C-alpha cells in the first residue's frame, strides 16, 4: 500500500489531463454540418502527450515549484518518461547557469520533444501504464 498523493496534486493531475484532452481537438462550432462522430477529438499521439507531461514537470523542477517534489508516479510519468525528465532537468540546470532561466526552459522544451519523439512517447517502460480503455 502506498500513500495517497496530496489532494492538490490529484486536482492538478485531473486539470492536466483535462487540458490534454481539450487540446487534442475541439468539437465543431454550433450549427456545423459535421456529425458528432466526425467532431469527436482524436487522441493525441503518445509522443505529444509525453512532451506535454514531461516538459511541464521538468520546467516546474527548474522553477522550484512546490509540487515539483512529487515522485514520478504521482506526476503520471512512466519510467522512460522519468528518465527523459531527469535528463532534461540536468541539461536545463547547466543552461540556466550559463544563459538564464528563460533559455533553460526553451532547452527543456526542445530536448523533451526530441527524446519523446525518438522513444515513441516513452510509455513502454512502465509496468503501470495501460492503454486507455475504449469509450462505452
N, C-alpha and C. Protein backbone atom coordinates (compact mmCIF):
# COMPACT_ATOMS: atom_id res chain seq x y z
N UNK A 1 0.83 -1.17 0.00
CA UNK A 1 0.00 0.00 0.00
C UNK A 1 0.88 1.24 0.00
N UNK A 2 0.50 2.19 -0.80
CA UNK A 2 1.23 3.45 -0.84
C UNK A 2 0.40 4.55 -0.22
N UNK A 3 1.03 5.68 -0.10
CA UNK A 3 0.30 6.81 0.43
C UNK A 3 -0.43 7.51 -0.71
N UNK A 4 -1.52 8.14 -0.40
CA UNK A 4 -2.27 8.89 -1.39
C UNK A 4 -1.56 10.21 -1.66
N UNK A 5 -1.56 10.67 -2.92
CA UNK A 5 -0.95 11.97 -3.20
C UNK A 5 -1.80 13.07 -2.56
N UNK A 6 -1.18 14.20 -2.26
CA UNK A 6 -1.94 15.30 -1.68
C UNK A 6 -3.12 15.67 -2.57
N UNK A 7 -4.18 16.16 -1.95
CA UNK A 7 -5.41 16.50 -2.69
C UNK A 7 -5.11 17.47 -3.83
N UNK A 8 -4.28 18.46 -3.58
CA UNK A 8 -3.98 19.44 -4.63
C UNK A 8 -3.26 18.77 -5.80
N UNK A 9 -2.44 17.77 -5.52
CA UNK A 9 -1.75 17.06 -6.61
C UNK A 9 -2.75 16.30 -7.46
N UNK A 10 -3.74 15.68 -6.81
CA UNK A 10 -4.76 14.96 -7.59
C UNK A 10 -5.53 15.94 -8.46
N UNK A 11 -5.89 17.11 -7.89
CA UNK A 11 -6.60 18.11 -8.68
C UNK A 11 -5.73 18.60 -9.83
N UNK A 12 -4.44 18.77 -9.57
CA UNK A 12 -3.54 19.21 -10.62
C UNK A 12 -3.44 18.18 -11.74
N UNK A 13 -3.38 16.90 -11.36
CA UNK A 13 -3.31 15.84 -12.37
C UNK A 13 -4.58 15.80 -13.20
N UNK A 14 -5.72 15.97 -12.55
CA UNK A 14 -7.00 16.00 -13.27
C UNK A 14 -7.04 17.19 -14.21
N UNK A 15 -6.58 18.34 -13.75
CA UNK A 15 -6.56 19.54 -14.60
C UNK A 15 -5.64 19.35 -15.80
N UNK A 16 -4.49 18.71 -15.58
CA UNK A 16 -3.56 18.47 -16.68
C UNK A 16 -4.17 17.52 -17.70
N UNK A 17 -4.81 16.46 -17.24
CA UNK A 17 -5.46 15.53 -18.16
C UNK A 17 -6.59 16.21 -18.93
N UNK A 18 -7.35 17.07 -18.25
CA UNK A 18 -8.42 17.79 -18.93
C UNK A 18 -7.84 18.71 -20.01
N UNK A 19 -6.75 19.38 -19.68
CA UNK A 19 -6.13 20.28 -20.66
C UNK A 19 -5.61 19.50 -21.85
N UNK A 20 -5.02 18.33 -21.60
CA UNK A 20 -4.55 17.50 -22.70
C UNK A 20 -5.70 17.04 -23.57
N UNK A 21 -6.80 16.66 -22.95
CA UNK A 21 -7.96 16.20 -23.69
C UNK A 21 -8.54 17.33 -24.52
N UNK A 22 -8.69 18.51 -23.93
CA UNK A 22 -9.24 19.64 -24.67
C UNK A 22 -8.30 20.10 -25.76
N UNK A 23 -7.00 20.00 -25.52
CA UNK A 23 -6.04 20.43 -26.52
C UNK A 23 -5.90 19.47 -27.68
N UNK A 24 -6.40 18.24 -27.53
CA UNK A 24 -6.25 17.23 -28.58
C UNK A 24 -7.11 17.55 -29.78
N UNK A 25 -8.13 18.30 -29.62
CA UNK A 25 -9.03 18.64 -30.72
C UNK A 25 -10.22 19.34 -30.13
N UNK A 26 -10.96 20.02 -30.96
CA UNK A 26 -12.12 20.71 -30.43
C UNK A 26 -13.35 20.29 -31.20
N UNK A 27 -14.47 20.35 -30.53
CA UNK A 27 -15.73 20.00 -31.17
C UNK A 27 -16.09 21.07 -32.18
N UNK A 28 -16.96 20.72 -33.09
CA UNK A 28 -17.40 21.65 -34.11
C UNK A 28 -18.22 22.77 -33.48
N UNK A 29 -18.19 23.91 -34.09
CA UNK A 29 -18.99 25.03 -33.62
C UNK A 29 -20.47 24.71 -33.81
N UNK A 30 -21.33 25.31 -32.99
CA UNK A 30 -22.76 25.07 -33.15
C UNK A 30 -23.20 25.39 -34.57
N UNK A 31 -24.06 24.54 -35.11
CA UNK A 31 -24.57 24.76 -36.46
C UNK A 31 -23.68 24.17 -37.53
N UNK A 32 -22.58 23.54 -37.13
CA UNK A 32 -21.68 22.94 -38.10
C UNK A 32 -22.32 21.70 -38.71
N UNK A 33 -22.15 21.46 -40.00
CA UNK A 33 -22.79 20.32 -40.63
C UNK A 33 -22.15 18.97 -40.31
N UNK A 34 -21.02 18.94 -39.64
CA UNK A 34 -20.34 17.67 -39.35
C UNK A 34 -21.12 16.88 -38.31
N UNK A 35 -21.04 15.57 -38.41
CA UNK A 35 -21.71 14.71 -37.44
C UNK A 35 -20.93 14.70 -36.13
N UNK A 36 -21.57 14.22 -35.08
CA UNK A 36 -20.92 14.15 -33.77
C UNK A 36 -19.70 13.24 -33.83
N UNK A 37 -19.78 12.16 -34.60
CA UNK A 37 -18.65 11.25 -34.71
C UNK A 37 -17.46 11.93 -35.36
N UNK A 38 -17.69 12.73 -36.38
CA UNK A 38 -16.60 13.44 -37.04
C UNK A 38 -16.02 14.53 -36.14
N UNK A 39 -16.85 15.09 -35.26
CA UNK A 39 -16.42 16.19 -34.42
C UNK A 39 -15.65 15.73 -33.19
N UNK A 40 -15.72 14.45 -32.86
CA UNK A 40 -15.04 13.95 -31.66
C UNK A 40 -13.53 14.11 -31.83
N UNK A 41 -12.86 14.62 -30.79
CA UNK A 41 -11.41 14.80 -30.89
C UNK A 41 -10.70 13.45 -30.97
N UNK A 42 -9.66 13.42 -31.76
CA UNK A 42 -8.87 12.19 -31.85
C UNK A 42 -7.83 12.21 -30.74
N UNK A 43 -7.44 11.05 -30.26
CA UNK A 43 -6.44 11.02 -29.18
C UNK A 43 -5.10 11.56 -29.67
N UNK A 44 -4.39 12.17 -28.76
CA UNK A 44 -3.06 12.68 -29.08
C UNK A 44 -2.09 11.53 -29.25
N UNK A 45 -1.14 11.67 -30.12
CA UNK A 45 -0.13 10.62 -30.23
C UNK A 45 0.68 10.56 -28.93
N UNK A 46 1.19 9.40 -28.60
CA UNK A 46 1.96 9.26 -27.35
C UNK A 46 3.12 10.24 -27.22
N UNK A 47 3.79 10.55 -28.31
CA UNK A 47 4.93 11.47 -28.23
C UNK A 47 4.48 12.86 -27.82
N UNK A 48 3.32 13.28 -28.28
CA UNK A 48 2.82 14.62 -27.91
C UNK A 48 2.42 14.66 -26.45
N UNK A 49 1.78 13.62 -25.98
CA UNK A 49 1.41 13.55 -24.57
C UNK A 49 2.66 13.52 -23.71
N UNK A 50 3.64 12.72 -24.10
CA UNK A 50 4.91 12.64 -23.38
C UNK A 50 5.56 14.02 -23.29
N UNK A 51 5.62 14.71 -24.42
CA UNK A 51 6.25 16.02 -24.46
C UNK A 51 5.55 17.00 -23.52
N UNK A 52 4.23 17.02 -23.57
CA UNK A 52 3.47 17.94 -22.72
C UNK A 52 3.70 17.64 -21.25
N UNK A 53 3.59 16.38 -20.89
CA UNK A 53 3.71 15.96 -19.50
C UNK A 53 5.12 16.18 -18.96
N UNK A 54 6.10 15.68 -19.67
CA UNK A 54 7.49 15.74 -19.18
C UNK A 54 8.02 17.18 -19.19
N UNK A 55 7.71 17.94 -20.22
CA UNK A 55 8.15 19.35 -20.26
C UNK A 55 7.58 20.12 -19.09
N UNK A 56 6.29 19.90 -18.82
CA UNK A 56 5.65 20.61 -17.71
C UNK A 56 6.39 20.36 -16.40
N UNK A 57 6.62 19.08 -16.09
CA UNK A 57 7.25 18.76 -14.80
C UNK A 57 8.72 19.14 -14.76
N UNK A 58 9.43 19.05 -15.88
CA UNK A 58 10.83 19.45 -15.90
C UNK A 58 10.95 20.96 -15.65
N UNK A 59 10.07 21.73 -16.27
CA UNK A 59 10.10 23.18 -16.07
C UNK A 59 9.69 23.54 -14.64
N UNK A 60 8.73 22.81 -14.08
CA UNK A 60 8.36 23.04 -12.68
C UNK A 60 9.55 22.78 -11.77
N UNK A 61 10.33 21.75 -12.06
CA UNK A 61 11.52 21.44 -11.26
C UNK A 61 12.54 22.56 -11.35
N UNK A 62 12.77 23.06 -12.55
CA UNK A 62 13.74 24.15 -12.73
C UNK A 62 13.30 25.42 -12.01
N UNK A 63 12.00 25.66 -12.01
CA UNK A 63 11.48 26.86 -11.36
C UNK A 63 11.30 26.68 -9.85
N UNK A 64 11.50 25.45 -9.37
CA UNK A 64 11.42 25.20 -7.94
C UNK A 64 10.01 25.24 -7.38
N UNK A 65 9.03 24.80 -8.16
CA UNK A 65 7.65 24.85 -7.67
C UNK A 65 7.45 23.89 -6.51
N UNK A 66 6.45 24.15 -5.73
CA UNK A 66 6.13 23.34 -4.55
C UNK A 66 5.86 21.88 -4.93
N UNK A 67 5.15 21.65 -6.02
CA UNK A 67 4.75 20.28 -6.41
C UNK A 67 5.82 19.55 -7.21
N UNK A 68 6.92 20.19 -7.51
CA UNK A 68 7.99 19.55 -8.27
C UNK A 68 8.59 18.36 -7.52
N UNK A 69 8.41 18.29 -6.20
CA UNK A 69 8.97 17.22 -5.40
C UNK A 69 8.16 15.93 -5.41
N UNK A 70 7.02 15.91 -6.10
CA UNK A 70 6.25 14.67 -6.19
C UNK A 70 7.08 13.61 -6.90
N UNK A 71 6.80 12.34 -6.63
CA UNK A 71 7.56 11.31 -7.34
C UNK A 71 6.98 11.09 -8.73
N UNK A 72 7.69 10.32 -9.55
CA UNK A 72 7.32 10.15 -10.96
C UNK A 72 5.94 9.53 -11.13
N UNK A 73 5.52 8.67 -10.24
CA UNK A 73 4.19 8.07 -10.35
C UNK A 73 3.11 9.11 -10.06
N UNK A 74 3.34 9.94 -9.06
CA UNK A 74 2.37 10.98 -8.73
C UNK A 74 2.27 12.02 -9.85
N UNK A 75 3.33 12.17 -10.60
CA UNK A 75 3.32 13.09 -11.74
C UNK A 75 2.72 12.43 -12.98
N UNK A 76 2.43 11.14 -12.92
CA UNK A 76 1.81 10.44 -14.03
C UNK A 76 2.77 10.01 -15.12
N UNK A 77 4.05 9.88 -14.79
CA UNK A 77 5.05 9.52 -15.79
C UNK A 77 5.38 8.03 -15.75
N UNK A 78 5.75 7.51 -16.90
CA UNK A 78 6.30 6.16 -16.97
C UNK A 78 7.77 6.22 -16.57
N UNK A 79 8.39 5.07 -16.42
CA UNK A 79 9.82 5.03 -16.10
C UNK A 79 10.64 5.73 -17.19
N UNK A 80 10.30 5.47 -18.45
CA UNK A 80 11.01 6.09 -19.56
C UNK A 80 10.84 7.59 -19.60
N UNK A 81 9.62 8.05 -19.32
CA UNK A 81 9.38 9.49 -19.28
C UNK A 81 10.15 10.14 -18.14
N UNK A 82 10.25 9.44 -17.03
CA UNK A 82 11.01 9.97 -15.90
C UNK A 82 12.49 10.10 -16.26
N UNK A 83 13.02 9.15 -17.00
CA UNK A 83 14.42 9.24 -17.44
C UNK A 83 14.63 10.46 -18.32
N UNK A 84 13.68 10.72 -19.22
CA UNK A 84 13.75 11.92 -20.06
C UNK A 84 13.68 13.17 -19.18
N UNK A 85 12.79 13.16 -18.20
CA UNK A 85 12.63 14.27 -17.26
C UNK A 85 13.96 14.58 -16.57
N UNK A 86 14.60 13.56 -16.05
CA UNK A 86 15.86 13.76 -15.32
C UNK A 86 16.94 14.32 -16.24
N UNK A 87 17.02 13.82 -17.47
CA UNK A 87 18.00 14.32 -18.43
C UNK A 87 17.71 15.80 -18.74
N UNK A 88 16.45 16.12 -18.94
CA UNK A 88 16.07 17.50 -19.28
C UNK A 88 16.35 18.46 -18.12
N UNK A 89 16.05 18.04 -16.91
CA UNK A 89 16.30 18.90 -15.74
C UNK A 89 17.80 19.14 -15.59
N UNK A 90 18.61 18.09 -15.74
CA UNK A 90 20.06 18.26 -15.62
C UNK A 90 20.59 19.22 -16.69
N UNK A 91 20.15 19.03 -17.93
CA UNK A 91 20.59 19.92 -19.02
C UNK A 91 20.09 21.34 -18.78
N UNK A 92 18.87 21.47 -18.29
CA UNK A 92 18.30 22.78 -18.01
C UNK A 92 19.06 23.52 -16.93
N UNK A 93 19.51 22.80 -15.92
CA UNK A 93 20.26 23.45 -14.83
C UNK A 93 21.61 24.00 -15.34
N UNK A 94 22.25 23.23 -16.22
CA UNK A 94 23.51 23.70 -16.81
C UNK A 94 23.24 24.95 -17.65
N UNK A 95 22.20 24.89 -18.48
CA UNK A 95 21.86 26.03 -19.34
C UNK A 95 21.47 27.25 -18.51
N UNK A 96 20.77 27.04 -17.41
CA UNK A 96 20.37 28.15 -16.55
C UNK A 96 21.58 28.88 -15.97
N UNK A 97 22.59 28.12 -15.59
CA UNK A 97 23.80 28.75 -15.03
C UNK A 97 24.52 29.62 -16.06
N UNK A 98 24.49 29.20 -17.32
CA UNK A 98 25.24 29.93 -18.35
C UNK A 98 24.40 30.96 -19.11
N UNK A 99 23.10 30.69 -19.30
CA UNK A 99 22.30 31.57 -20.16
C UNK A 99 21.02 32.10 -19.51
N UNK A 100 20.69 31.64 -18.31
CA UNK A 100 19.50 32.13 -17.64
C UNK A 100 18.31 31.16 -17.73
N UNK A 101 17.31 31.43 -16.91
CA UNK A 101 16.16 30.55 -16.79
C UNK A 101 15.35 30.45 -18.08
N UNK A 102 15.13 31.57 -18.76
CA UNK A 102 14.32 31.53 -19.99
C UNK A 102 14.94 30.60 -21.03
N UNK A 103 16.23 30.68 -21.22
CA UNK A 103 16.92 29.80 -22.18
C UNK A 103 16.88 28.35 -21.71
N UNK A 104 16.97 28.15 -20.41
CA UNK A 104 16.89 26.79 -19.87
C UNK A 104 15.52 26.17 -20.14
N UNK A 105 14.46 26.94 -19.98
CA UNK A 105 13.11 26.45 -20.24
C UNK A 105 12.92 26.12 -21.72
N UNK A 106 13.49 26.94 -22.59
CA UNK A 106 13.44 26.66 -24.03
C UNK A 106 14.18 25.37 -24.35
N UNK A 107 15.35 25.19 -23.76
CA UNK A 107 16.13 23.97 -23.97
C UNK A 107 15.34 22.74 -23.52
N UNK A 108 14.68 22.83 -22.38
CA UNK A 108 13.88 21.71 -21.87
C UNK A 108 12.81 21.33 -22.89
N UNK A 109 12.09 22.32 -23.42
CA UNK A 109 11.06 22.02 -24.41
C UNK A 109 11.62 21.29 -25.62
N UNK A 110 12.74 21.78 -26.14
CA UNK A 110 13.35 21.14 -27.33
C UNK A 110 13.85 19.73 -27.03
N UNK A 111 14.58 19.59 -25.93
CA UNK A 111 15.16 18.30 -25.57
C UNK A 111 14.07 17.26 -25.31
N UNK A 112 13.06 17.63 -24.55
CA UNK A 112 11.98 16.69 -24.22
C UNK A 112 11.23 16.29 -25.48
N UNK A 113 10.92 17.24 -26.35
CA UNK A 113 10.21 16.92 -27.59
C UNK A 113 11.02 15.93 -28.43
N UNK A 114 12.32 16.14 -28.52
CA UNK A 114 13.19 15.26 -29.30
C UNK A 114 13.21 13.85 -28.70
N UNK A 115 13.42 13.76 -27.39
CA UNK A 115 13.51 12.44 -26.74
C UNK A 115 12.18 11.70 -26.78
N UNK A 116 11.08 12.42 -26.54
CA UNK A 116 9.76 11.77 -26.58
C UNK A 116 9.46 11.24 -27.97
N UNK A 117 9.83 12.01 -29.00
CA UNK A 117 9.62 11.56 -30.38
C UNK A 117 10.49 10.33 -30.68
N UNK A 118 11.77 10.39 -30.30
CA UNK A 118 12.68 9.27 -30.53
C UNK A 118 12.18 7.98 -29.87
N UNK A 119 11.54 8.11 -28.72
CA UNK A 119 11.12 6.94 -27.94
C UNK A 119 9.63 6.65 -28.06
N UNK A 120 8.96 7.28 -29.03
CA UNK A 120 7.55 7.00 -29.28
C UNK A 120 6.65 7.27 -28.09
N UNK A 121 6.99 8.25 -27.30
CA UNK A 121 6.19 8.61 -26.13
C UNK A 121 6.73 8.02 -24.85
N UNK A 122 7.66 7.11 -24.93
CA UNK A 122 8.32 6.51 -23.77
C UNK A 122 7.33 5.89 -22.79
N UNK A 123 6.27 5.30 -23.28
CA UNK A 123 5.29 4.69 -22.39
C UNK A 123 5.57 3.21 -22.15
N UNK A 124 6.41 2.63 -22.93
CA UNK A 124 6.68 1.19 -22.89
C UNK A 124 7.39 0.73 -21.64
N UNK A 125 8.07 1.60 -20.94
CA UNK A 125 8.94 1.15 -19.85
C UNK A 125 8.27 1.11 -18.48
N UNK A 126 7.01 1.42 -18.40
CA UNK A 126 6.35 1.43 -17.10
C UNK A 126 5.44 0.23 -16.95
N UNK A 127 5.59 -0.46 -15.86
CA UNK A 127 4.72 -1.60 -15.58
C UNK A 127 3.30 -1.10 -15.29
N UNK A 128 3.16 0.16 -14.91
CA UNK A 128 1.88 0.72 -14.51
C UNK A 128 1.07 1.28 -15.66
N UNK A 129 1.69 1.54 -16.80
CA UNK A 129 1.00 2.19 -17.90
C UNK A 129 0.08 1.19 -18.59
N UNK A 130 -1.10 1.62 -18.89
CA UNK A 130 -2.06 0.81 -19.65
C UNK A 130 -2.68 1.71 -20.70
N UNK A 131 -2.95 1.16 -21.88
CA UNK A 131 -3.62 1.99 -22.90
C UNK A 131 -5.02 2.34 -22.42
N UNK A 132 -5.53 3.48 -22.85
CA UNK A 132 -6.87 3.86 -22.41
C UNK A 132 -7.91 2.86 -22.90
N UNK A 133 -8.90 2.62 -22.08
CA UNK A 133 -9.96 1.70 -22.49
C UNK A 133 -10.89 2.43 -23.43
N UNK A 134 -11.49 1.69 -24.38
CA UNK A 134 -12.40 2.35 -25.33
C UNK A 134 -13.61 2.94 -24.61
N UNK A 135 -14.09 4.07 -25.12
CA UNK A 135 -15.27 4.70 -24.53
C UNK A 135 -16.49 3.84 -24.78
N UNK A 136 -17.36 3.81 -23.84
CA UNK A 136 -18.57 3.00 -24.00
C UNK A 136 -19.76 3.85 -24.21
